Each structure stands twice: as C-alpha cells, then as structure tokens.
C-alpha cells in the first residue's frame, strides 16, 4: 500500500499522518481502486475493509478516526471523540489518539498542528470552501480557542489538482483575485493551492513550517484519485492526522 507522508508533520514525533492513494498491491481493482469513501458507489464492505487497512498502516484503528460529512462549507467543528461528527469542512481537536480525517478527490486538504497548544485540524477546501475562506476561519477558530499564533503551527497541503489542470468558468474565476487565475488560450485556470498557502502565510505561519505537496491529483493517474479526471467512477483519498499521547 502506498501512503503519502508529510516530511514536515512526520518530523514531529508525536504526530501520526498519512494520505491514502489509489494504489494497494493486494487490491487494485478498477474503477474505484483503493477508495475510502462510502458515497461514490463503491462496494460498502470493500470500502470498510480499505478503511481498516489504511488506519492499520498508520498504526491506528478505524475506530479512532473522527469523520465529517463534507459539504463545501465554511463550518468548523470541534470534536472530542472518534466516529461521525456531523456536517462541516474542518474539524479540530486537542484530544490525543483521535485521528481527524479529510477526504479529497481533487480538492485541497490541509492538515494543521499547533505544537505549543497540542491542537490538530483537518480541513477540506474545494473552490467553494476556498472562496468562503474555510482555512482562514479554521485558523481563527484555533487562535480564539487556544490563543494559537502563526509561529506555533505546522501546516501541510496534501496532493490536489494543480492550476494547469484546474480549468474553471468565468462564474468561478470572478470570485478570486486575478493573481490566482491563469488565462491561457481563452481558458481560465485556478491556483487553489496558492490561495490556501497565502492564507497560512497571512496568518503568520513561517514558510519553513508550511509544506505543499508537488503532486497533482489529476496528473498522477496511477497514484491519486481525481473526480475531474475520472468523473462518477472516481474514488476518494483520505488524509488522517493524529496526536500520540505523550509518554509520562
């Protein structure tokens, strides 16, 4: 099984993190491949087994993972236990041994760790969530609740669709500053990753504490799920972040 790691997050000994891919050697069946979503039409039992195997690869059980129903919103929820935690696009916890999951099929997912205050977050930010500034609101939520500052936070932007493959219409383009839009051959392309990275920088997170995956979900067909590429038969990846309980 191929699991994408964050060098930045995984350099912190108390953090568990991994981002799933399409590729699992013992199960690589089209069209959904190693899919972790129950909402795309894949066989339920297969998906549940995939979830168990992915969590196991991270050193967790699936029963430790907190889930959200992602609705392309700006809703940020605090969670203190695993399992289903309602509708939101960002979940935050200060509890140890609770993994936070965010799902992606091209959208940005961002994983945050406040080392000083021992807080983690998993954020889902498609173009709608990005336009609503879900990441900025998550950072504000953490700041208001735990007095977090930029220098306290480590952030990882996981694989997502890159600008040269993210064609949009004028209705979407007009929602964002021109600097994030590339107009090429009368087509418009959105740089959703840079928008979210700038939110991190504007919050005061040092660039040395931000890692951005260079992988494009659309381009990396053998490795990553992509709704834009595969349509209704695309699977979904999950990223999971969790804090280990400190040794006492």
C-alpha atoms as a PDB file:
ATOM      1  CA  UNK A   1       0.000   0.000   0.000  1.00  0.00           C
ATOM      2  CA  UNK A   2       1.363   3.399  -0.976  1.00  0.00           C
ATOM      3  CA  UNK A   3       0.821   6.071   1.695  1.00  0.00           C
ATOM      4  CA  UNK A   4       1.944   9.671   1.173  1.00  0.00           C
ATOM      5  CA  UNK A   5       3.664  11.198   4.174  1.00  0.00           C
ATOM      6  CA  UNK A   6       4.434  14.779   5.104  1.00  0.00           C
ATOM      7  CA  UNK A   7       8.103  15.260   5.922  1.00  0.00           C
ATOM      8  CA  UNK A   8       7.167  18.296   7.998  1.00  0.00           C
ATOM      9  CA  UNK A   9       4.401  16.731  10.081  1.00  0.00           C
ATOM     10  CA  UNK A  10       6.114  13.383  10.418  1.00  0.00           C
ATOM     11  CA  UNK A  11       9.248  15.111  11.723  1.00  0.00           C
ATOM     12  CA  UNK A  12       7.209  15.761  14.869  1.00  0.00           C
ATOM     13  CA  UNK A  13       7.459  12.520  16.902  1.00  0.00           C
ATOM     14  CA  UNK A  14       4.031  12.982  18.472  1.00  0.00           C
ATOM     15  CA  UNK A  15       2.241  13.268  15.108  1.00  0.00           C
ATOM     16  CA  UNK A  16       0.825  10.439  13.021  1.00  0.00           C
ATOM     17  CA  UNK A  17      -0.048  11.417   9.459  1.00  0.00           C
ATOM     18  CA  UNK A  18      -0.740   9.740   6.157  1.00  0.00           C
ATOM     19  CA  UNK A  19      -2.602  10.428   2.906  1.00  0.00           C
ATOM     20  CA  UNK A  20      -4.017   7.477   1.004  1.00  0.00           C
ATOM     21  CA  UNK A  21      -3.576   6.714  -2.688  1.00  0.00           C
ATOM     22  CA  UNK A  22      -5.249   4.559  -5.334  1.00  0.00           C
ATOM     23  CA  UNK A  23      -2.502   2.001  -5.076  1.00  0.00           C
ATOM     24  CA  UNK A  24      -2.782  -1.029  -2.843  1.00  0.00           C
ATOM     25  CA  UNK A  25      -0.946  -4.030  -4.183  1.00  0.00           C
ATOM     26  CA  UNK A  26      -3.366  -6.627  -2.802  1.00  0.00           C
ATOM     27  CA  UNK A  27      -6.417  -4.741  -4.085  1.00  0.00           C
ATOM     28  CA  UNK A  28      -6.099  -2.679  -7.213  1.00  0.00           C
ATOM     29  CA  UNK A  29      -9.445  -3.251  -8.922  1.00  0.00           C
ATOM     30  CA  UNK A  30     -10.949  -0.599 -11.224  1.00  0.00           C
ATOM     31  CA  UNK A  31     -12.801   1.658 -11.380  1.00  0.00           C
ATOM     32  CA  UNK A  32     -12.563   2.827  -7.755  1.00  0.00           C
ATOM     33  CA  UNK A  33      -9.256   1.214  -6.797  1.00  0.00           C
ATOM     34  CA  UNK A  34      -8.260   1.822  -3.157  1.00  0.00           C
ATOM     35  CA  UNK A  35     -11.218   4.052  -2.347  1.00  0.00           C
ATOM     36  CA  UNK A  36     -12.142   5.153   1.183  1.00  0.00           C
ATOM     37  CA  UNK A  37     -15.483   6.863   0.516  1.00  0.00           C
ATOM     38  CA  UNK A  38     -18.910   5.283   1.020  1.00  0.00           C
ATOM     39  CA  UNK A  39     -20.616   7.913  -1.150  1.00  0.00           C
ATOM     40  CA  UNK A  40     -19.221   7.217  -4.634  1.00  0.00           C
ATOM     41  CA  UNK A  41     -20.912   3.923  -5.490  1.00  0.00           C
ATOM     42  CA  UNK A  42     -18.166   1.508  -4.462  1.00  0.00           C
ATOM     43  CA  UNK A  43     -18.937  -1.753  -2.645  1.00  0.00           C
ATOM     44  CA  UNK A  44     -19.589  -0.934   1.020  1.00  0.00           C
ATOM     45  CA  UNK A  45     -17.788  -3.934   2.503  1.00  0.00           C
ATOM     46  CA  UNK A  46     -14.738  -3.272   0.347  1.00  0.00           C
ATOM     47  CA  UNK A  47     -14.615   0.366   1.420  1.00  0.00           C
ATOM     48  CA  UNK A  48     -14.896  -0.541   5.092  1.00  0.00           C
ATOM     49  CA  UNK A  49     -12.054  -3.027   4.717  1.00  0.00           C
ATOM     50  CA  UNK A  50      -9.966  -0.410   2.918  1.00  0.00           C
ATOM     51  CA  UNK A  51     -10.506   1.976   5.819  1.00  0.00           C
ATOM     52  CA  UNK A  52      -9.397  -0.636   8.319  1.00  0.00           C
ATOM     53  CA  UNK A  53      -6.272  -1.403   6.317  1.00  0.00           C
ATOM     54  CA  UNK A  54      -5.360   2.260   5.831  1.00  0.00           C
ATOM     55  CA  UNK A  55      -5.715   3.062   9.527  1.00  0.00           C
ATOM     56  CA  UNK A  56      -3.681  -0.034  10.388  1.00  0.00           C
ATOM     57  CA  UNK A  57      -0.900   1.168   8.106  1.00  0.00           C
ATOM     58  CA  UNK A  58      -0.751   4.378  10.164  1.00  0.00           C
ATOM     59  CA  UNK A  59      -0.649   2.475  13.442  1.00  0.00           C
ATOM     60  CA  UNK A  60      -4.287   3.301  14.250  1.00  0.00           C
ATOM     61  CA  UNK A  61      -7.626   1.549  14.264  1.00  0.00           C
ATOM     62  CA  UNK A  62     -10.508   2.938  12.210  1.00  0.00           C
ATOM     63  CA  UNK A  63     -12.451   3.241  15.468  1.00  0.00           C
ATOM     64  CA  UNK A  64     -10.017   6.013  16.458  1.00  0.00           C
ATOM     65  CA  UNK A  65     -10.881   8.184  13.438  1.00  0.00           C
ATOM     66  CA  UNK A  66     -13.243  11.180  13.515  1.00  0.00           C
ATOM     67  CA  UNK A  67     -15.175  11.801  10.284  1.00  0.00           C
ATOM     68  CA  UNK A  68     -17.108  14.755   8.906  1.00  0.00           C
ATOM     69  CA  UNK A  69     -19.690  14.970   6.135  1.00  0.00           C
ATOM     70  CA  UNK A  70     -18.037  17.492   3.827  1.00  0.00           C
ATOM     71  CA  UNK A  71     -20.490  19.934   2.260  1.00  0.00           C
ATOM     72  CA  UNK A  72     -18.218  22.624   0.728  1.00  0.00           C
ATOM     73  CA  UNK A  73     -18.998  24.991   3.592  1.00  0.00           C
ATOM     74  CA  UNK A  74     -17.132  27.272   5.976  1.00  0.00           C
ATOM     75  CA  UNK A  75     -18.234  25.266   9.026  1.00  0.00           C
ATOM     76  CA  UNK A  76     -15.523  24.482  11.593  1.00  0.00           C
ATOM     77  CA  UNK A  77     -16.339  21.960  14.326  1.00  0.00           C
ATOM     78  CA  UNK A  78     -14.502  20.995  17.488  1.00  0.00           C
ATOM     79  CA  UNK A  79     -14.577  17.235  18.069  1.00  0.00           C
ATOM     80  CA  UNK A  80     -13.549  15.270  21.123  1.00  0.00           C
ATOM     81  CA  UNK A  81     -14.293  11.707  20.039  1.00  0.00           C
ATOM     82  CA  UNK A  82     -13.971   9.438  17.020  1.00  0.00           C
ATOM     83  CA  UNK A  83     -16.800   8.492  14.680  1.00  0.00           C
ATOM     84  CA  UNK A  84     -19.197  10.594  12.664  1.00  0.00           C
ATOM     85  CA  UNK A  85     -19.250  14.235  13.777  1.00  0.00           C
ATOM     86  CA  UNK A  86     -21.853  15.825  11.510  1.00  0.00           C
ATOM     87  CA  UNK A  87     -21.586  18.288   8.654  1.00  0.00           C
ATOM     88  CA  UNK A  88     -18.502  20.505   8.374  1.00  0.00           C
ATOM     89  CA  UNK A  89     -15.424  21.065   6.280  1.00  0.00           C
ATOM     90  CA  UNK A  90     -12.923  21.461   9.097  1.00  0.00           C
ATOM     91  CA  UNK A  91     -12.598  19.505  12.304  1.00  0.00           C
ATOM     92  CA  UNK A  92     -10.340  20.417  15.207  1.00  0.00           C
ATOM     93  CA  UNK A  93      -9.341  18.593  18.377  1.00  0.00           C
ATOM     94  CA  UNK A  94      -6.985  18.804  21.333  1.00  0.00           C
ATOM     95  CA  UNK A  95      -7.543  15.145  22.234  1.00  0.00           C
ATOM     96  CA  UNK A  96      -4.820  12.545  21.952  1.00  0.00           C
ATOM     97  CA  UNK A  97      -5.353   9.331  19.993  1.00  0.00           C
ATOM     98  CA  UNK A  98      -8.234  10.824  17.967  1.00  0.00           C
ATOM     99  CA  UNK A  99      -7.459  10.852  14.264  1.00  0.00           C
ATOM    100  CA  UNK A 100      -9.010  13.589  12.147  1.00  0.00           C
ATOM    101  CA  UNK A 101      -9.897  12.737   8.544  1.00  0.00           C
ATOM    102  CA  UNK A 102     -10.473  14.858   5.469  1.00  0.00           C
ATOM    103  CA  UNK A 103     -11.471  13.414   2.102  1.00  0.00           C
ATOM    104  CA  UNK A 104     -10.300  14.540  -1.329  1.00  0.00           C
ATOM    105  CA  UNK A 105     -10.902  13.747  -4.974  1.00  0.00           C
ATOM    106  CA  UNK A 106      -9.075  16.877  -6.276  1.00  0.00           C
ATOM    107  CA  UNK A 107      -9.847  19.466  -3.576  1.00  0.00           C
ATOM    108  CA  UNK A 108      -7.212  20.871  -1.259  1.00  0.00           C
ATOM    109  CA  UNK A 109      -6.991  19.278   2.137  1.00  0.00           C
ATOM    110  CA  UNK A 110      -4.870  20.978   4.751  1.00  0.00           C
ATOM    111  CA  UNK A 111      -3.614  19.459   7.995  1.00  0.00           C
ATOM    112  CA  UNK A 112      -2.587  21.695  10.906  1.00  0.00           C
ATOM    113  CA  UNK A 113      -0.627  21.026  14.069  1.00  0.00           C
ATOM    114  CA  UNK A 114      -0.181  23.563  16.852  1.00  0.00           C
ATOM    115  CA  UNK A 115       2.794  22.133  18.688  1.00  0.00           C
ATOM    116  CA  UNK A 116       2.651  24.590  21.592  1.00  0.00           C
ATOM    117  CA  UNK A 117      -1.001  24.044  22.472  1.00  0.00           C
ATOM    118  CA  UNK A 118      -1.316  20.453  21.207  1.00  0.00           C
ATOM    119  CA  UNK A 119      -4.124  21.029  18.717  1.00  0.00           C
ATOM    120  CA  UNK A 120      -4.656  19.444  15.303  1.00  0.00           C
ATOM    121  CA  UNK A 121      -7.062  20.072  12.445  1.00  0.00           C
ATOM    122  CA  UNK A 122      -8.110  18.516   9.129  1.00  0.00           C
ATOM    123  CA  UNK A 123      -9.549  20.958   6.576  1.00  0.00           C
ATOM    124  CA  UNK A 124     -11.308  20.302   3.257  1.00  0.00           C
ATOM    125  CA  UNK A 125     -11.171  23.258   0.865  1.00  0.00           C
ATOM    126  CA  UNK A 126     -12.510  22.978  -2.673  1.00  0.00           C
ATOM    127  CA  UNK A 127     -13.083  26.148  -4.659  1.00  0.00           C
ATOM    128  CA  UNK A 128     -16.293  26.849  -2.733  1.00  0.00           C
ATOM    129  CA  UNK A 129     -14.634  26.363   0.636  1.00  0.00           C
ATOM    130  CA  UNK A 130     -11.648  28.365  -0.500  1.00  0.00           C
ATOM    131  CA  UNK A 131     -13.868  31.219  -1.619  1.00  0.00           C
ATOM    132  CA  UNK A 132     -15.570  31.068   1.802  1.00  0.00           C
ATOM    133  CA  UNK A 133     -12.123  31.043   3.457  1.00  0.00           C
ATOM    134  CA  UNK A 134     -12.641  27.825   5.405  1.00  0.00           C
ATOM    135  CA  UNK A 135      -8.911  27.567   6.152  1.00  0.00           C
ATOM    136  CA  UNK A 136      -8.688  31.149   7.390  1.00  0.00           C
ATOM    137  CA  UNK A 137     -11.723  30.543   9.608  1.00  0.00           C
ATOM    138  CA  UNK A 138     -10.156  27.362  10.973  1.00  0.00           C
ATOM    139  CA  UNK A 139      -7.016  29.276  11.910  1.00  0.00           C
ATOM    140  CA  UNK A 140      -9.151  31.950  13.588  1.00  0.00           C
ATOM    141  CA  UNK A 141     -11.070  29.251  15.468  1.00  0.00           C
ATOM    142  CA  UNK A 142      -7.837  27.760  16.784  1.00  0.00           C
ATOM    143  CA  UNK A 143      -6.470  31.183  17.658  1.00  0.00           C
ATOM    144  CA  UNK A 144      -9.572  32.246  19.550  1.00  0.00           C
ATOM    145  CA  UNK A 145      -9.932  28.990  21.474  1.00  0.00           C
ATOM    146  CA  UNK A 146      -6.296  28.224  22.318  1.00  0.00           C
ATOM    147  CA  UNK A 147      -4.523  31.559  21.713  1.00  0.00           C
ATOM    148  CA  UNK A 148      -2.547  29.978  18.892  1.00  0.00           C
ATOM    149  CA  UNK A 149      -0.164  32.127  16.891  1.00  0.00           C
ATOM    150  CA  UNK A 150       1.340  31.547  13.482  1.00  0.00           C
ATOM    151  CA  UNK A 151       4.722  30.572  14.870  1.00  0.00           C
ATOM    152  CA  UNK A 152       3.070  27.722  16.802  1.00  0.00           C
ATOM    153  CA  UNK A 153       1.602  25.976  13.751  1.00  0.00           C
ATOM    154  CA  UNK A 154       2.895  23.447  11.245  1.00  0.00           C
ATOM    155  CA  UNK A 155       0.815  23.010   8.071  1.00  0.00           C
ATOM    156  CA  UNK A 156       0.717  20.521   5.207  1.00  0.00           C
ATOM    157  CA  UNK A 157      -1.244  20.983   1.987  1.00  0.00           C
ATOM    158  CA  UNK A 158      -1.826  17.494   0.611  1.00  0.00           C
ATOM    159  CA  UNK A 159      -1.942  16.468  -3.074  1.00  0.00           C
ATOM    160  CA  UNK A 160      -4.704  18.224  -5.000  1.00  0.00           C
ATOM    161  CA  UNK A 161      -5.385  19.424  -8.515  1.00  0.00           C
ATOM    162  CA  UNK A 162      -2.772  21.881  -9.772  1.00  0.00           C
ATOM    163  CA  UNK A 163      -3.527  25.082 -11.641  1.00  0.00           C
ATOM    164  CA  UNK A 164      -2.611  23.883 -15.127  1.00  0.00           C
ATOM    165  CA  UNK A 165      -5.242  21.140 -14.860  1.00  0.00           C
ATOM    166  CA  UNK A 166      -7.954  23.067 -12.999  1.00  0.00           C
ATOM    167  CA  UNK A 167      -9.986  24.752 -15.711  1.00  0.00           C
ATOM    168  CA  UNK A 168     -12.869  26.905 -14.483  1.00  0.00           C
ATOM    169  CA  UNK A 169     -15.518  29.161 -15.920  1.00  0.00           C
ATOM    170  CA  UNK A 170     -15.830  32.916 -15.581  1.00  0.00           C
ATOM    171  CA  UNK A 171     -18.517  32.441 -12.912  1.00  0.00           C
ATOM    172  CA  UNK A 172     -15.886  30.898 -10.631  1.00  0.00           C
ATOM    173  CA  UNK A 173     -12.932  32.991 -11.797  1.00  0.00           C
ATOM    174  CA  UNK A 174     -14.647  36.255 -10.846  1.00  0.00           C
ATOM    175  CA  UNK A 175     -14.778  35.106  -7.212  1.00  0.00           C
ATOM    176  CA  UNK A 176     -10.998  35.181  -6.850  1.00  0.00           C
ATOM    177  CA  UNK A 177      -8.229  37.786  -7.269  1.00  0.00           C
ATOM    178  CA  UNK A 178      -6.684  37.874 -10.713  1.00  0.00           C
ATOM    179  CA  UNK A 179      -3.282  36.761  -9.438  1.00  0.00           C
ATOM    180  CA  UNK A 180      -4.673  33.277  -8.839  1.00  0.00           C
ATOM    181  CA  UNK A 181      -6.146  32.969 -12.360  1.00  0.00           C
ATOM    182  CA  UNK A 182      -4.186  31.976 -15.439  1.00  0.00           C
ATOM    183  CA  UNK A 183      -5.823  32.962 -18.726  1.00  0.00           C
ATOM    184  CA  UNK A 184      -4.327  30.772 -21.414  1.00  0.00           C
ATOM    185  CA  UNK A 185      -5.737  30.199 -24.924  1.00  0.00           C
ATOM    186  CA  UNK A 186      -9.053  31.735 -23.812  1.00  0.00           C
ATOM    187  CA  UNK A 187      -9.304  29.228 -20.951  1.00  0.00           C
ATOM    188  CA  UNK A 188      -9.206  30.047 -17.239  1.00  0.00           C
ATOM    189  CA  UNK A 189      -7.251  28.044 -14.667  1.00  0.00           C
ATOM    190  CA  UNK A 190      -7.434  28.427 -10.873  1.00  0.00           C
ATOM    191  CA  UNK A 191      -4.498  28.081  -8.484  1.00  0.00           C
ATOM    192  CA  UNK A 192      -6.394  26.856  -5.437  1.00  0.00           C
ATOM    193  CA  UNK A 193      -3.232  25.679  -3.686  1.00  0.00           C
ATOM    194  CA  UNK A 194      -1.620  29.115  -3.718  1.00  0.00           C
ATOM    195  CA  UNK A 195      -4.758  30.733  -2.298  1.00  0.00           C
ATOM    196  CA  UNK A 196      -4.693  28.394   0.673  1.00  0.00           C
ATOM    197  CA  UNK A 197      -0.947  28.730   1.139  1.00  0.00           C
ATOM    198  CA  UNK A 198      -1.324  32.507   1.225  1.00  0.00           C
ATOM    199  CA  UNK A 199      -3.947  32.157   3.973  1.00  0.00           C
ATOM    200  CA  UNK A 200      -1.381  30.250   6.025  1.00  0.00           C
ATOM    201  CA  UNK A 201       1.291  32.876   5.399  1.00  0.00           C
ATOM    202  CA  UNK A 202      -1.097  35.738   6.133  1.00  0.00           C
ATOM    203  CA  UNK A 203      -1.865  34.157   9.495  1.00  0.00           C
ATOM    204  CA  UNK A 204       1.832  34.426  10.290  1.00  0.00           C
ATOM    205  CA  UNK A 205       2.915  30.829   9.833  1.00  0.00           C
ATOM    206  CA  UNK A 206       6.581  30.836   8.773  1.00  0.00           C
ATOM    207  CA  UNK A 207       7.186  29.464   5.293  1.00  0.00           C
ATOM    208  CA  UNK A 208       9.581  26.932   6.846  1.00  0.00           C
ATOM    209  CA  UNK A 209       6.575  25.498   8.719  1.00  0.00           C
ATOM    210  CA  UNK A 210       4.455  25.038   5.594  1.00  0.00           C
ATOM    211  CA  UNK A 211       4.817  22.060   3.275  1.00  0.00           C
ATOM    212  CA  UNK A 212       2.974  21.851  -0.038  1.00  0.00           C
ATOM    213  CA  UNK A 213       2.801  18.559  -1.903  1.00  0.00           C
ATOM    214  CA  UNK A 214       4.009  18.922  -5.501  1.00  0.00           C
ATOM    215  CA  UNK A 215       1.762  16.072  -6.657  1.00  0.00           C
ATOM    216  CA  UNK A 216      -1.225  16.803  -8.899  1.00  0.00           C
ATOM    217  CA  UNK A 217      -4.256  14.590  -8.321  1.00  0.00           C
ATOM    218  CA  UNK A 218      -5.348  14.974 -11.950  1.00  0.00           C
ATOM    219  CA  UNK A 219      -1.969  14.185 -13.486  1.00  0.00           C
ATOM    220  CA  UNK A 220      -0.848  11.338 -11.217  1.00  0.00           C
ATOM    221  CA  UNK A 221      -3.322   8.808 -12.612  1.00  0.00           C
ATOM    222  CA  UNK A 222      -1.516   5.736 -11.295  1.00  0.00           C
ATOM    223  CA  UNK A 223      -1.310   7.161  -7.781  1.00  0.00           C
ATOM    224  CA  UNK A 224      -4.118   9.583  -6.986  1.00  0.00           C
ATOM    225  CA  UNK A 225      -7.903   9.797  -7.202  1.00  0.00           C
ATOM    226  CA  UNK A 226      -9.350  12.612  -9.321  1.00  0.00           C
ATOM    227  CA  UNK A 227     -13.004  13.472  -9.839  1.00  0.00           C
ATOM    228  CA  UNK A 228     -12.072  15.948 -12.571  1.00  0.00           C
ATOM    229  CA  UNK A 229     -10.272  13.164 -14.466  1.00  0.00           C
ATOM    230  CA  UNK A 230     -12.441  10.105 -13.736  1.00  0.00           C
ATOM    231  CA  UNK A 231     -15.893  11.555 -13.105  1.00  0.00           C
ATOM    232  CA  UNK A 232     -18.562   9.431 -11.453  1.00  0.00           C
ATOM    233  CA  UNK A 233     -16.280   6.407 -11.129  1.00  0.00           C
ATOM    234  CA  UNK A 234     -13.583   8.210  -9.164  1.00  0.00           C
ATOM    235  CA  UNK A 235     -12.664   7.105  -5.660  1.00  0.00           C
ATOM    236  CA  UNK A 236     -11.640   9.346  -2.794  1.00  0.00           C
ATOM    237  CA  UNK A 237      -8.476   9.641  -0.760  1.00  0.00           C
ATOM    238  CA  UNK A 238      -8.372  10.306   2.970  1.00  0.00           C
ATOM    239  CA  UNK A 239      -5.738  12.137   4.920  1.00  0.00           C
ATOM    240  CA  UNK A 240      -5.577  11.416   8.643  1.00  0.00           C
ATOM    241  CA  UNK A 241      -3.723  13.371  11.321  1.00  0.00           C
ATOM    242  CA  UNK A 242      -3.499  12.228  14.947  1.00  0.00           C
ATOM    243  CA  UNK A 243      -1.566  13.159  18.098  1.00  0.00           C
ATOM    244  CA  UNK A 244       0.081  10.401  20.104  1.00  0.00           C
ATOM    245  CA  UNK A 245      -0.389  10.517  23.845  1.00  0.00           C
ATOM    246  CA  UNK A 246       2.813  11.801  25.464  1.00  0.00           C
ATOM    247  CA  UNK A 247       4.929   9.354  27.432  1.00  0.00           C
ATOM    248  CA  UNK A 248       4.529  10.062  31.109  1.00  0.00           C
END
